[in-house]
């Protein structure tokens, strides 16, 4: 016969594992990276250029992007109309600023759009 103490002793680790999984993102461990993660450029020849050059490619992670003298950390990222709306805190040449833009991926093309321009970038291989 199982006593209540034995049952609690066996259930508690299971409950803790479930709660930890929910709190600490076990799903995040298996989540796919957004398709914009990677290195992108206007021209395939730029893919091998280092970040110290004005011709540097865009480098995206799931939470940042950098290119040449600009580094941005995403403060908000949401899927919207087939792409992502991004709000970021950026720094460039010692100046900090907020920056809003959208990213849309279609095959090996990333469209990077802000309020004043649009770039169609190619995925670096």
N, C-alpha and C. Protein backbone atom coordinates (compact mmCIF):
# COMPACT_ATOMS: atom_id res chain seq x y z
N UNK A 1 0.84 -1.18 0.00
CA UNK A 1 0.00 0.00 0.00
C UNK A 1 0.89 1.24 0.00
N UNK A 2 0.53 2.20 -0.81
CA UNK A 2 1.30 3.44 -0.91
C UNK A 2 0.77 4.43 0.11
N UNK A 3 1.69 4.99 0.86
CA UNK A 3 1.29 6.00 1.84
C UNK A 3 1.33 7.37 1.18
N UNK A 4 0.60 8.35 1.72
CA UNK A 4 0.61 9.69 1.14
C UNK A 4 2.02 10.28 1.05
N UNK A 5 2.88 9.98 2.01
CA UNK A 5 4.25 10.50 2.00
C UNK A 5 5.01 9.95 0.81
N UNK A 6 4.86 8.66 0.53
CA UNK A 6 5.54 8.05 -0.60
C UNK A 6 5.06 8.66 -1.91
N UNK A 7 3.76 8.89 -2.03
CA UNK A 7 3.21 9.47 -3.25
C UNK A 7 3.75 10.88 -3.46
N UNK A 8 3.76 11.69 -2.42
CA UNK A 8 4.28 13.05 -2.53
C UNK A 8 5.76 13.02 -2.91
N UNK A 9 6.52 12.13 -2.32
CA UNK A 9 7.94 12.02 -2.61
C UNK A 9 8.19 11.68 -4.08
N UNK A 10 7.32 10.91 -4.68
CA UNK A 10 7.49 10.53 -6.08
C UNK A 10 6.93 11.58 -7.04
N UNK A 11 5.90 12.28 -6.64
CA UNK A 11 5.28 13.26 -7.51
C UNK A 11 6.05 14.58 -7.51
N UNK A 12 6.60 14.97 -6.36
CA UNK A 12 7.27 16.26 -6.26
C UNK A 12 8.36 16.44 -7.32
N UNK A 13 9.28 15.49 -7.55
CA UNK A 13 10.28 15.71 -8.61
C UNK A 13 9.66 15.88 -9.99
N UNK A 14 8.59 15.16 -10.26
CA UNK A 14 7.92 15.29 -11.55
C UNK A 14 7.32 16.68 -11.71
N UNK A 15 6.64 17.16 -10.67
CA UNK A 15 6.05 18.50 -10.71
C UNK A 15 7.14 19.55 -10.87
N UNK A 16 8.23 19.42 -10.14
CA UNK A 16 9.34 20.38 -10.26
C UNK A 16 9.92 20.37 -11.66
N UNK A 17 10.04 19.22 -12.26
CA UNK A 17 10.58 19.13 -13.62
C UNK A 17 9.65 19.83 -14.62
N UNK A 18 8.35 19.64 -14.45
CA UNK A 18 7.38 20.28 -15.34
C UNK A 18 7.41 21.79 -15.18
N UNK A 19 7.44 22.26 -13.93
CA UNK A 19 7.49 23.70 -13.68
C UNK A 19 8.78 24.29 -14.22
N UNK A 20 9.91 23.65 -13.98
CA UNK A 20 11.20 24.14 -14.49
C UNK A 20 11.20 24.19 -16.01
N UNK A 21 10.60 23.18 -16.62
CA UNK A 21 10.52 23.15 -18.07
C UNK A 21 9.73 24.35 -18.59
N UNK A 22 8.62 24.66 -17.94
CA UNK A 22 7.80 25.79 -18.37
C UNK A 22 8.50 27.12 -18.11
N UNK A 23 9.12 27.25 -16.93
CA UNK A 23 9.76 28.51 -16.57
C UNK A 23 11.04 28.79 -17.33
N UNK A 24 11.84 27.78 -17.54
CA UNK A 24 13.17 27.99 -18.11
C UNK A 24 13.26 27.60 -19.57
N UNK A 25 12.14 27.38 -20.19
CA UNK A 25 12.10 27.27 -21.64
C UNK A 25 12.63 25.99 -22.22
N UNK A 26 12.18 24.86 -21.74
CA UNK A 26 12.58 23.62 -22.39
C UNK A 26 12.17 23.69 -23.86
N UNK A 27 11.06 24.38 -24.13
CA UNK A 27 10.66 24.53 -25.52
C UNK A 27 11.65 25.40 -26.27
N UNK A 28 12.27 26.36 -25.57
CA UNK A 28 13.26 27.21 -26.23
C UNK A 28 14.47 26.41 -26.67
N UNK A 29 14.76 25.33 -25.93
CA UNK A 29 15.89 24.50 -26.31
C UNK A 29 15.65 23.82 -27.65
N UNK A 30 14.38 23.63 -27.96
CA UNK A 30 14.03 22.93 -29.20
C UNK A 30 13.45 23.88 -30.24
N UNK A 31 13.32 25.15 -29.89
CA UNK A 31 12.74 26.11 -30.82
C UNK A 31 13.70 26.37 -31.98
N UNK A 32 13.14 26.55 -33.13
CA UNK A 32 13.95 26.86 -34.30
C UNK A 32 14.35 28.32 -34.26
N UNK A 33 15.52 28.61 -34.80
CA UNK A 33 15.93 30.00 -34.93
C UNK A 33 15.09 30.66 -36.00
N UNK A 34 14.82 31.95 -35.85
CA UNK A 34 14.11 32.65 -36.92
C UNK A 34 14.91 32.57 -38.22
N UNK A 35 14.26 32.54 -39.36
CA UNK A 35 14.98 32.38 -40.63
C UNK A 35 15.87 33.56 -40.99
N UNK A 36 15.75 34.70 -40.30
CA UNK A 36 16.63 35.83 -40.59
C UNK A 36 18.00 35.69 -39.94
N UNK A 37 18.18 34.72 -39.04
CA UNK A 37 19.47 34.52 -38.38
C UNK A 37 20.51 34.11 -39.42
N UNK A 38 21.63 34.79 -39.43
CA UNK A 38 22.70 34.48 -40.37
C UNK A 38 23.38 35.74 -40.87
N UNK A 39 24.15 35.57 -41.93
CA UNK A 39 24.89 36.67 -42.53
C UNK A 39 24.29 36.96 -43.90
N UNK A 40 24.04 38.25 -44.18
CA UNK A 40 23.35 38.69 -45.38
C UNK A 40 24.10 39.87 -45.99
N UNK A 41 24.04 40.00 -47.31
CA UNK A 41 24.72 41.11 -47.96
C UNK A 41 23.97 41.57 -49.20
N UNK A 42 24.33 42.76 -49.66
CA UNK A 42 23.76 43.28 -50.90
C UNK A 42 24.36 42.57 -52.11
N UNK A 43 25.60 42.11 -51.96
CA UNK A 43 26.35 41.48 -53.04
C UNK A 43 27.11 40.30 -52.45
N UNK A 44 27.09 39.12 -53.07
CA UNK A 44 27.80 37.95 -52.52
C UNK A 44 29.28 38.21 -52.23
N UNK A 45 29.91 39.12 -52.95
CA UNK A 45 31.33 39.44 -52.71
C UNK A 45 31.53 40.07 -51.33
N UNK A 46 30.48 40.68 -50.76
CA UNK A 46 30.58 41.30 -49.45
C UNK A 46 30.57 40.27 -48.31
N UNK A 47 30.17 39.06 -48.58
CA UNK A 47 30.03 38.05 -47.53
C UNK A 47 31.32 37.80 -46.77
N UNK A 48 32.44 37.92 -47.44
CA UNK A 48 33.72 37.64 -46.79
C UNK A 48 34.40 38.88 -46.21
N UNK A 49 33.74 40.03 -46.33
CA UNK A 49 34.31 41.28 -45.84
C UNK A 49 34.14 41.35 -44.32
N UNK A 50 35.16 41.80 -43.62
CA UNK A 50 35.10 41.92 -42.16
C UNK A 50 34.25 43.10 -41.72
N UNK A 51 33.84 43.09 -40.46
CA UNK A 51 32.96 44.13 -39.93
C UNK A 51 33.64 45.50 -39.81
N UNK A 52 34.95 45.58 -39.98
CA UNK A 52 35.65 46.86 -39.93
C UNK A 52 35.48 47.65 -41.24
N UNK A 53 34.93 47.04 -42.25
CA UNK A 53 34.77 47.67 -43.56
C UNK A 53 33.36 48.23 -43.74
N UNK A 54 33.25 49.34 -44.44
CA UNK A 54 31.93 49.91 -44.77
C UNK A 54 31.10 48.96 -45.62
N UNK A 55 31.74 48.03 -46.31
CA UNK A 55 31.05 47.05 -47.15
C UNK A 55 30.69 45.76 -46.39
N UNK A 56 30.80 45.80 -45.08
CA UNK A 56 30.54 44.60 -44.27
C UNK A 56 29.12 44.09 -44.47
N UNK A 57 28.94 42.77 -44.38
CA UNK A 57 27.59 42.21 -44.46
C UNK A 57 26.82 42.46 -43.16
N UNK A 58 25.53 42.27 -43.21
CA UNK A 58 24.68 42.31 -42.02
C UNK A 58 24.80 40.96 -41.33
N UNK A 59 24.96 40.95 -40.02
CA UNK A 59 25.03 39.71 -39.26
C UNK A 59 23.91 39.75 -38.22
N UNK A 60 22.97 38.81 -38.35
CA UNK A 60 21.82 38.73 -37.45
C UNK A 60 21.90 37.50 -36.57
N UNK A 61 21.60 37.69 -35.28
CA UNK A 61 21.30 36.58 -34.38
C UNK A 61 19.80 36.69 -34.09
N UNK A 62 19.28 35.87 -33.21
CA UNK A 62 17.86 35.94 -32.87
C UNK A 62 17.54 37.21 -32.07
N UNK A 63 18.57 37.89 -31.54
CA UNK A 63 18.31 39.06 -30.69
C UNK A 63 19.19 40.27 -30.99
N UNK A 64 20.04 40.20 -32.02
CA UNK A 64 20.92 41.33 -32.34
C UNK A 64 21.16 41.41 -33.85
N UNK A 65 21.68 42.54 -34.26
CA UNK A 65 22.25 42.63 -35.60
C UNK A 65 23.39 43.63 -35.56
N UNK A 66 24.38 43.37 -36.39
CA UNK A 66 25.46 44.33 -36.51
C UNK A 66 25.93 44.42 -37.95
N UNK A 67 26.44 45.57 -38.25
CA UNK A 67 27.00 45.83 -39.57
C UNK A 67 27.90 47.04 -39.45
N UNK A 68 29.14 46.88 -39.85
CA UNK A 68 30.15 47.92 -39.82
C UNK A 68 30.21 48.52 -38.42
N UNK A 69 29.88 49.77 -38.22
CA UNK A 69 30.02 50.41 -36.91
C UNK A 69 28.72 50.44 -36.13
N UNK A 70 27.70 49.68 -36.56
CA UNK A 70 26.40 49.67 -35.90
C UNK A 70 26.18 48.33 -35.21
N UNK A 71 25.74 48.39 -33.97
CA UNK A 71 25.35 47.18 -33.23
C UNK A 71 24.00 47.45 -32.58
N UNK A 72 23.04 46.56 -32.80
CA UNK A 72 21.69 46.73 -32.27
C UNK A 72 21.28 45.50 -31.46
N UNK A 73 20.65 45.76 -30.35
CA UNK A 73 20.08 44.70 -29.51
C UNK A 73 18.56 44.85 -29.57
N UNK A 74 17.88 43.78 -29.93
CA UNK A 74 16.43 43.83 -30.08
C UNK A 74 15.78 44.00 -28.70
N UNK A 75 14.89 44.97 -28.59
CA UNK A 75 14.12 45.16 -27.37
C UNK A 75 12.72 44.60 -27.53
N UNK A 76 12.30 44.42 -28.78
CA UNK A 76 11.00 43.83 -29.08
C UNK A 76 11.09 43.17 -30.45
N UNK A 77 10.54 41.98 -30.54
CA UNK A 77 10.53 41.22 -31.79
C UNK A 77 9.19 40.51 -31.87
N UNK A 78 8.41 40.83 -32.91
CA UNK A 78 7.11 40.16 -33.05
C UNK A 78 6.86 39.82 -34.51
N UNK A 79 6.26 38.65 -34.71
CA UNK A 79 5.90 38.26 -36.07
C UNK A 79 4.71 39.08 -36.50
N UNK A 80 4.78 39.52 -37.76
CA UNK A 80 3.73 40.40 -38.27
C UNK A 80 3.70 40.32 -39.79
N UNK A 81 2.55 40.00 -40.35
CA UNK A 81 2.34 39.98 -41.79
C UNK A 81 3.48 39.31 -42.57
N UNK A 82 3.81 38.09 -42.21
CA UNK A 82 4.81 37.33 -42.94
C UNK A 82 6.25 37.69 -42.62
N UNK A 83 6.46 38.54 -41.65
CA UNK A 83 7.81 38.94 -41.28
C UNK A 83 7.88 39.26 -39.80
N UNK A 84 8.82 40.09 -39.44
CA UNK A 84 9.04 40.45 -38.04
C UNK A 84 9.15 41.95 -37.92
N UNK A 85 8.46 42.50 -36.92
CA UNK A 85 8.62 43.90 -36.55
C UNK A 85 9.65 43.92 -35.43
N UNK A 86 10.65 44.77 -35.56
CA UNK A 86 11.73 44.82 -34.59
C UNK A 86 11.88 46.23 -34.06
N UNK A 87 11.99 46.33 -32.75
CA UNK A 87 12.42 47.56 -32.09
C UNK A 87 13.75 47.21 -31.47
N UNK A 88 14.71 48.11 -31.61
CA UNK A 88 16.05 47.82 -31.13
C UNK A 88 16.68 49.05 -30.50
N UNK A 89 17.61 48.79 -29.60
CA UNK A 89 18.47 49.83 -29.05
C UNK A 89 19.80 49.67 -29.76
N UNK A 90 20.24 50.70 -30.45
CA UNK A 90 21.45 50.61 -31.27
C UNK A 90 22.51 51.60 -30.81
N UNK A 91 23.73 51.29 -31.23
CA UNK A 91 24.82 52.25 -31.06
C UNK A 91 25.63 52.25 -32.35
N UNK A 92 26.05 53.45 -32.73
CA UNK A 92 26.87 53.62 -33.92
C UNK A 92 27.76 54.84 -33.69
N UNK A 93 29.05 54.62 -33.83
CA UNK A 93 30.02 55.69 -33.66
C UNK A 93 29.82 56.43 -32.34
N UNK A 94 29.52 55.68 -31.26
CA UNK A 94 29.37 56.27 -29.93
C UNK A 94 28.02 56.87 -29.62
N UNK A 95 27.10 56.86 -30.58
CA UNK A 95 25.76 57.42 -30.37
C UNK A 95 24.76 56.29 -30.14
N UNK A 96 23.92 56.42 -29.12
CA UNK A 96 22.87 55.45 -28.83
C UNK A 96 21.55 55.97 -29.39
N UNK A 97 20.74 55.07 -29.96
CA UNK A 97 19.45 55.48 -30.49
C UNK A 97 18.52 54.29 -30.59
N UNK A 98 17.22 54.59 -30.61
CA UNK A 98 16.19 53.57 -30.83
C UNK A 98 16.00 53.43 -32.34
N UNK A 99 15.73 52.20 -32.77
CA UNK A 99 15.61 51.95 -34.20
C UNK A 99 14.51 50.92 -34.40
N UNK A 100 13.59 51.22 -35.32
CA UNK A 100 12.49 50.31 -35.66
C UNK A 100 12.61 49.90 -37.11
N UNK A 101 12.45 48.61 -37.37
CA UNK A 101 12.54 48.12 -38.74
C UNK A 101 11.77 46.81 -38.85
N UNK A 102 11.60 46.35 -40.08
CA UNK A 102 10.96 45.06 -40.32
C UNK A 102 11.91 44.17 -41.11
N UNK A 103 11.74 42.87 -40.91
CA UNK A 103 12.51 41.86 -41.63
C UNK A 103 11.52 40.88 -42.26
N UNK A 104 11.74 40.56 -43.53
CA UNK A 104 10.92 39.58 -44.22
C UNK A 104 11.85 38.66 -44.99
N UNK A 105 11.67 37.36 -44.83
CA UNK A 105 12.51 36.39 -45.52
C UNK A 105 11.68 35.66 -46.56
N UNK A 106 12.25 35.58 -47.76
CA UNK A 106 11.65 34.80 -48.84
C UNK A 106 12.79 34.03 -49.50
N UNK A 107 12.87 32.74 -49.23
CA UNK A 107 13.97 31.94 -49.75
C UNK A 107 15.29 32.44 -49.21
N UNK A 108 16.20 32.79 -50.10
CA UNK A 108 17.51 33.30 -49.70
C UNK A 108 17.59 34.82 -49.78
N UNK A 109 16.44 35.49 -49.69
CA UNK A 109 16.41 36.95 -49.70
C UNK A 109 15.78 37.46 -48.41
N UNK A 110 16.47 38.40 -47.78
CA UNK A 110 15.98 39.07 -46.58
C UNK A 110 15.70 40.52 -46.95
N UNK A 111 14.46 40.95 -46.75
CA UNK A 111 14.12 42.35 -46.98
C UNK A 111 14.18 43.06 -45.64
N UNK A 112 15.05 44.05 -45.59
CA UNK A 112 15.28 44.87 -44.39
C UNK A 112 14.69 46.24 -44.70
N UNK A 113 13.66 46.64 -43.94
CA UNK A 113 12.95 47.88 -44.25
C UNK A 113 12.81 48.73 -42.98
N UNK A 114 13.17 50.01 -43.10
CA UNK A 114 12.85 50.95 -42.04
C UNK A 114 12.03 52.09 -42.65
N UNK A 115 11.86 53.19 -41.94
CA UNK A 115 10.98 54.25 -42.43
C UNK A 115 11.54 54.99 -43.64
N UNK A 116 12.83 54.84 -43.92
CA UNK A 116 13.40 55.61 -45.02
C UNK A 116 14.04 54.80 -46.15
N UNK A 117 14.22 53.50 -45.96
CA UNK A 117 14.81 52.73 -47.05
C UNK A 117 14.44 51.26 -46.95
N UNK A 118 14.70 50.56 -48.04
CA UNK A 118 14.51 49.11 -48.12
C UNK A 118 15.74 48.51 -48.77
N UNK A 119 16.29 47.46 -48.15
CA UNK A 119 17.39 46.69 -48.75
C UNK A 119 16.95 45.25 -48.93
N UNK A 120 17.18 44.70 -50.11
CA UNK A 120 16.99 43.27 -50.34
C UNK A 120 18.35 42.64 -50.27
N UNK A 121 18.55 41.81 -49.26
CA UNK A 121 19.85 41.19 -48.98
C UNK A 121 19.83 39.73 -49.37
N UNK A 122 20.98 39.22 -49.75
CA UNK A 122 21.14 37.82 -50.12
C UNK A 122 21.84 37.07 -49.00
N UNK A 123 21.38 35.83 -48.75
CA UNK A 123 22.00 35.02 -47.70
C UNK A 123 23.42 34.64 -48.12
N UNK A 124 24.37 34.85 -47.22
CA UNK A 124 25.75 34.42 -47.47
C UNK A 124 25.85 32.92 -47.23
N UNK A 125 26.57 32.24 -48.08
CA UNK A 125 26.72 30.77 -47.97
C UNK A 125 28.00 30.44 -47.27
